[in-house]
Amino acid sequence: MKIGITMFATDYAVRPDTLAKECEDRGFESIWFPEHTHIPASRKSPFPGGGELPREYWHTHDLFVTLGVAAAVTSTIKIGSGICLVIERDPITMANEVATVDQLSNGRLLFGIGGGWNSEEMENHGTPFNRRWKVCRERIEAMKEIWANEEAEYHGEFVDFDPIWSHPKPVQKPHPPILMGTFNGGLKRVVNYCDGWIPVGFDTTTLPESIKELHALAEQAGRPVDEVPVSVFGSSDKEEALASHQELGVERAVLFLPSAGADTVLPLLDKYQPYIAKFA
């Protein structure tokens, strides 16, 4: 099982390029960055984690700039979007951003995606909350067309364009792994148009049954189960929890770091580093 790290890259935390280099130097497999373009001040949507919304949610650096600077100072560690809110981004621009980061990182991008939970935030970007999954699917489908074809076109309800030229193309073929991040459910979406599942904030007591369901859905769709691996996001840092993930066949556990300075973050990396060899 691989061990990754995630942190909200903010204007008050350790720089993402510094963090990425420190993670690579210690041997972590991947570094992941979340995104929120903004948080509406109305705060109508409750925080899924309960309680007050942590301030990092509205202090977050732009995702693809962050991925780019992390890739620029590293050479081996995987660079992940954890997750990209595709329902808040133009698909033609996003296809170019993904392909650019994948090319400039020499094929190290893991493209984690999601539909989001903050209805006001996505509606500011023109996506109605109750249609977000249809928007998400169309944008992913459209980007796949752009990445695969010299002249790409797509015609849907929310995404519609005649043949276009768009380069660069991703280094990874046919595209970087697309991993669906969900708070709960959504396993059919994983099987239908993604390359893996990222359970986020997940009740791990139900994880075994959810993985069984994911595998059953994959088999029904004619996909080998190893085509839809699982990356537990925000995993517990307790050794027994990580061992249980490994027993379930989880591909990677991603450990959460607070958005804080190097004096707080780097000792945590040192604490987690022994897990790399233990669960390899």
Protein backbone atom coordinates (compact mmCIF):
# COMPACT_ATOMS: atom_id res chain seq x y z
CA MET A 1 0.00 0.00 0.00
CA LYS A 2 1.31 3.42 -0.95
CA ILE A 3 1.40 6.34 1.47
CA GLY A 4 0.51 9.84 0.30
CA ILE A 5 0.15 13.23 1.93
CA THR A 6 -2.48 15.95 1.51
CA MET A 7 -2.71 19.53 2.74
CA PHE A 8 -4.77 22.59 1.89
CA ALA A 9 -2.13 24.85 0.32
CA THR A 10 -2.92 28.28 1.75
CA ASP A 11 -1.42 31.73 1.98
CA TYR A 12 -0.43 31.12 5.61
CA ALA A 13 0.90 27.53 5.44
CA VAL A 14 4.21 26.04 4.35
CA ARG A 15 4.66 26.64 0.62
CA PRO A 16 3.39 23.81 -1.61
CA ASP A 17 6.71 23.55 -3.47
CA THR A 18 8.57 23.24 -0.16
CA LEU A 19 6.12 20.62 1.07
CA ALA A 20 6.29 18.61 -2.15
CA LYS A 21 10.09 18.51 -2.05
CA GLU A 22 10.11 17.50 1.63
CA CYS A 23 7.61 14.71 0.87
CA GLU A 24 9.64 13.45 -2.08
CA ASP A 25 12.87 13.52 -0.06
CA ARG A 26 11.24 11.29 2.57
CA GLY A 27 9.91 8.83 0.00
CA PHE A 28 6.17 9.51 0.07
CA GLU A 29 4.42 8.23 -3.05
CA SER A 30 2.15 11.22 -3.68
CA ILE A 31 1.26 14.75 -2.60
CA TRP A 32 -2.34 15.99 -3.00
CA PHE A 33 -3.90 19.44 -2.92
CA PRO A 34 -7.62 20.29 -2.54
CA GLU A 35 -9.36 23.31 -4.02
CA HIS A 36 -12.07 25.84 -3.35
CA THR A 37 -12.13 28.95 -5.52
CA HIS A 38 -13.92 30.84 -2.75
CA ILE A 39 -16.49 30.34 0.00
CA PRO A 40 -19.73 32.37 -0.17
CA ALA A 41 -20.12 34.50 2.95
CA SER A 42 -23.77 33.44 3.31
CA ARG A 43 -22.59 30.04 4.61
CA LYS A 44 -25.92 28.39 3.78
CA SER A 45 -24.40 24.99 2.97
CA PRO A 46 -23.41 23.17 6.17
CA PHE A 47 -19.86 21.86 6.40
CA PRO A 48 -19.98 18.06 5.81
CA GLY A 49 -17.38 17.58 8.51
CA GLY A 50 -19.66 19.23 11.07
CA GLY A 51 -19.08 22.36 13.12
CA GLU A 52 -17.53 25.55 11.80
CA LEU A 53 -15.91 25.58 8.39
CA PRO A 54 -12.09 25.66 8.79
CA ARG A 55 -10.56 28.85 7.44
CA GLU A 56 -8.29 27.02 4.97
CA TYR A 57 -11.34 26.52 2.76
CA TRP A 58 -11.32 30.18 1.72
CA HIS A 59 -7.53 30.72 1.83
CA THR A 60 -6.63 28.07 -0.75
CA HIS A 61 -4.18 28.72 -3.58
CA ASP A 62 -5.31 28.05 -7.14
CA LEU A 63 -5.16 24.30 -7.69
CA PHE A 64 -3.29 24.10 -11.00
CA VAL A 65 -0.76 26.78 -10.08
CA THR A 66 -0.12 24.79 -6.90
CA LEU A 67 0.27 21.52 -8.82
CA GLY A 68 2.64 23.25 -11.23
CA VAL A 69 4.97 24.63 -8.59
CA ALA A 70 4.97 21.28 -6.77
CA ALA A 71 5.88 19.47 -9.99
CA ALA A 72 8.61 21.99 -10.83
CA VAL A 73 10.74 21.19 -7.76
CA THR A 74 10.27 17.40 -7.78
CA SER A 75 11.00 14.54 -10.14
CA THR A 76 9.45 11.32 -8.83
CA ILE A 77 6.56 11.97 -6.45
CA LYS A 78 3.04 11.80 -7.90
CA ILE A 79 1.20 15.14 -7.94
CA GLY A 80 -2.53 14.85 -7.17
CA SER A 81 -5.60 17.07 -7.28
CA GLY A 82 -7.50 16.04 -4.20
CA ILE A 83 -10.00 17.01 -5.42
CA CYS A 84 -10.58 19.23 -8.47
CA LEU A 85 -14.07 20.72 -8.55
CA VAL A 86 -14.73 20.13 -12.24
CA ILE A 87 -18.23 21.56 -11.89
CA GLU A 88 -16.63 24.97 -11.25
CA ARG A 89 -14.21 24.97 -14.20
CA ASP A 90 -14.50 25.45 -17.95
CA PRO A 91 -13.80 22.04 -19.51
CA ILE A 92 -11.70 23.28 -22.45
CA THR A 93 -9.46 25.33 -20.16
CA MET A 94 -9.35 22.51 -17.61
CA ALA A 95 -8.35 19.95 -20.28
CA ASN A 96 -5.42 22.18 -21.18
CA GLU A 97 -4.45 22.66 -17.51
CA VAL A 98 -4.50 18.92 -16.82
CA ALA A 99 -2.51 18.11 -19.95
CA THR A 100 0.01 20.88 -19.23
CA VAL A 101 0.69 19.72 -15.66
CA ASP A 102 0.95 16.11 -16.83
CA GLN A 103 3.43 17.04 -19.55
CA LEU A 104 5.56 19.36 -17.42
CA SER A 105 5.68 16.78 -14.61
CA ASN A 106 6.64 14.01 -17.08
CA GLY A 107 3.43 12.08 -16.48
CA ARG A 108 3.08 12.33 -12.70
CA LEU A 109 -0.43 13.80 -12.37
CA LEU A 110 -3.22 11.98 -10.52
CA PHE A 111 -6.46 13.73 -11.46
CA GLY A 112 -8.78 13.50 -8.49
CA ILE A 113 -12.22 14.99 -9.17
CA GLY A 114 -15.50 15.59 -7.36
CA GLY A 115 -18.91 17.19 -7.56
CA GLY A 116 -18.64 19.37 -4.49
CA TRP A 117 -20.90 19.99 -1.49
CA ASN A 118 -21.25 23.79 -1.33
CA SER A 119 -24.30 24.69 -3.40
CA GLU A 120 -23.76 28.46 -3.30
CA GLU A 121 -20.13 28.11 -4.36
CA MET A 122 -20.91 26.08 -7.47
CA GLU A 123 -23.94 28.21 -8.32
CA ASN A 124 -21.63 31.25 -8.38
CA HIS A 125 -19.89 29.40 -11.22
CA GLY A 126 -23.17 28.70 -13.01
CA THR A 127 -23.71 25.08 -11.95
CA PRO A 128 -27.07 24.29 -10.31
CA PHE A 129 -26.58 22.00 -7.32
CA ASN A 130 -29.14 19.40 -8.40
CA ARG A 131 -27.50 19.04 -11.85
CA ARG A 132 -23.87 18.96 -10.69
CA TRP A 133 -23.31 15.28 -11.44
CA LYS A 134 -24.58 15.61 -15.00
CA VAL A 135 -22.31 18.64 -15.43
CA CYS A 136 -19.41 16.67 -13.95
CA ARG A 137 -19.88 13.73 -16.27
CA GLU A 138 -20.20 15.84 -19.40
CA ARG A 139 -17.07 17.82 -18.57
CA ILE A 140 -15.07 14.65 -17.97
CA GLU A 141 -16.36 13.11 -21.18
CA ALA A 142 -15.54 16.28 -23.12
CA MET A 143 -12.01 16.42 -21.71
CA LYS A 144 -11.41 12.81 -22.68
CA GLU A 145 -12.33 13.72 -26.24
CA ILE A 146 -9.92 16.67 -26.20
CA TRP A 147 -7.05 14.58 -24.81
CA ALA A 148 -7.57 11.73 -27.28
CA ASN A 149 -8.24 13.51 -30.57
CA GLU A 150 -6.47 15.99 -32.81
CA GLU A 151 -9.85 17.46 -33.71
CA ALA A 152 -12.15 17.03 -30.73
CA GLU A 153 -15.83 17.82 -30.46
CA TYR A 154 -18.51 17.23 -27.87
CA HIS A 155 -22.23 17.89 -27.84
CA GLY A 156 -24.10 17.63 -24.56
CA GLU A 157 -26.60 19.56 -22.48
CA PHE A 158 -24.01 21.53 -20.51
CA VAL A 159 -20.91 21.17 -22.71
CA ASP A 160 -21.18 21.81 -26.42
CA PHE A 161 -18.44 22.59 -28.93
CA ASP A 162 -17.65 21.85 -32.57
CA PRO A 163 -14.23 20.43 -33.59
CA ILE A 164 -11.30 22.14 -31.86
CA TRP A 165 -7.50 21.83 -31.75
CA SER A 166 -5.95 21.71 -28.30
CA HIS A 167 -2.39 20.85 -27.28
CA PRO A 168 -0.46 19.67 -25.34
CA LYS A 169 -1.84 16.18 -24.93
CA PRO A 170 -1.21 14.33 -21.65
CA VAL A 171 1.93 12.21 -21.33
CA GLN A 172 -0.11 9.43 -19.66
CA LYS A 173 -2.29 7.58 -22.14
CA PRO A 174 -5.10 7.89 -22.76
CA HIS A 175 -5.05 10.47 -19.93
CA PRO A 176 -3.97 10.79 -16.28
CA PRO A 177 -5.88 8.50 -13.91
CA ILE A 178 -9.26 10.06 -13.09
CA LEU A 179 -10.16 9.27 -9.48
CA MET A 180 -13.61 10.11 -8.14
CA GLY A 181 -13.70 11.64 -4.67
CA THR A 182 -16.98 11.20 -2.79
CA PHE A 183 -18.17 11.63 0.77
CA ASN A 184 -20.43 8.60 0.39
CA GLY A 185 -21.97 6.69 -2.48
CA GLY A 186 -21.29 7.51 -6.11
CA LEU A 187 -19.72 4.14 -6.88
CA LYS A 188 -21.56 3.78 -10.19
CA ARG A 189 -19.94 7.01 -11.34
CA VAL A 190 -16.53 5.62 -10.46
CA VAL A 191 -17.13 2.56 -12.60
CA ASN A 192 -18.85 4.39 -15.45
CA TYR A 193 -16.26 7.08 -16.22
CA CYS A 194 -13.39 7.06 -13.73
CA ASP A 195 -10.25 5.07 -12.97
CA GLY A 196 -10.48 4.78 -9.20
CA TRP A 197 -12.33 5.79 -6.06
CA ILE A 198 -11.28 8.26 -3.36
CA PRO A 199 -13.51 7.87 -0.30
CA VAL A 200 -13.32 11.20 1.56
CA GLY A 201 -14.32 11.67 5.19
CA PHE A 202 -15.54 8.10 5.01
CA ASP A 203 -16.96 5.95 7.79
CA THR A 204 -14.30 3.24 7.62
CA THR A 205 -16.56 0.74 9.37
CA THR A 206 -18.54 0.51 6.12
CA LEU A 207 -15.47 0.55 3.86
CA PRO A 208 -15.28 -3.25 3.41
CA GLU A 209 -18.86 -3.43 2.15
CA SER A 210 -18.36 -0.40 -0.09
CA ILE A 211 -15.28 -1.95 -1.67
CA LYS A 212 -17.23 -5.16 -2.28
CA GLU A 213 -19.98 -3.10 -3.92
CA LEU A 214 -17.42 -1.26 -6.06
CA HIS A 215 -15.92 -4.55 -7.24
CA ALA A 216 -19.35 -5.99 -8.00
CA LEU A 217 -20.28 -2.94 -10.05
CA ALA A 218 -16.98 -3.16 -11.93
CA GLU A 219 -17.56 -6.81 -12.77
CA GLN A 220 -21.09 -6.04 -13.95
CA ALA A 221 -19.65 -3.36 -16.25
CA GLY A 222 -17.04 -5.79 -17.60
CA ARG A 223 -14.12 -4.00 -15.92
CA PRO A 224 -11.38 -5.78 -13.96
CA VAL A 225 -11.50 -4.71 -10.32
CA ASP A 226 -7.88 -3.55 -10.48
CA GLU A 227 -9.00 -0.86 -12.93
CA VAL A 228 -10.84 0.92 -10.10
CA PRO A 229 -8.38 1.00 -7.17
CA VAL A 230 -9.19 2.71 -3.87
CA SER A 231 -7.27 5.61 -2.29
CA VAL A 232 -8.48 6.38 1.25
CA PHE A 233 -8.26 10.15 1.61
CA GLY A 234 -7.68 11.74 4.99
CA SER A 235 -6.89 8.31 6.38
CA SER A 236 -6.33 7.78 10.07
CA ASP A 237 -2.64 7.90 10.96
CA LYS A 238 -3.05 5.03 13.41
CA GLU A 239 -1.06 1.96 12.42
CA GLU A 240 -3.96 -0.43 13.01
CA ALA A 241 -6.22 1.62 10.72
CA LEU A 242 -3.61 1.62 7.97
CA ALA A 243 -3.16 -2.13 8.39
CA SER A 244 -6.91 -2.64 7.96
CA HIS A 245 -6.83 -0.60 4.75
CA GLN A 246 -3.99 -2.72 3.45
CA GLU A 247 -5.88 -5.92 4.23
CA LEU A 248 -8.81 -4.62 2.17
CA GLY A 249 -6.53 -4.11 -0.83
CA VAL A 250 -6.53 -0.31 -0.67
CA GLU A 251 -3.98 1.04 -3.18
CA ARG A 252 -2.97 4.09 -1.13
CA ALA A 253 -3.69 5.80 2.15
CA VAL A 254 -3.42 9.60 2.05
CA LEU A 255 -2.61 11.24 5.39
CA PHE A 256 -3.87 14.73 6.17
CA LEU A 257 -1.62 17.58 7.29
CA PRO A 258 -2.89 20.81 8.87
CA SER A 259 -2.43 24.04 6.94
CA ALA A 260 0.43 25.29 9.07
CA GLY A 261 4.05 26.34 8.98
CA ALA A 262 7.06 24.11 8.44
CA ASP A 263 7.70 23.88 12.18
CA THR A 264 4.37 22.04 12.56
CA VAL A 265 4.21 20.14 9.29
CA LEU A 266 7.71 18.73 8.89
CA PRO A 267 7.73 16.84 12.23
CA LEU A 268 4.49 15.17 11.13
CA LEU A 269 6.16 14.04 7.91
CA ASP A 270 8.94 12.55 10.00
CA LYS A 271 6.34 10.79 12.16
CA TYR A 272 4.60 9.29 9.13
CA GLN A 273 7.73 8.36 7.14
CA PRO A 274 8.18 4.90 8.77
CA TYR A 275 4.78 3.88 7.36
CA ILE A 276 6.19 4.04 3.83
CA ALA A 277 8.38 0.98 4.27
CA LYS A 278 6.05 -0.78 6.69
CA PHE A 279 3.13 -0.85 4.26
CA ALA A 280 5.05 -1.09 1.00
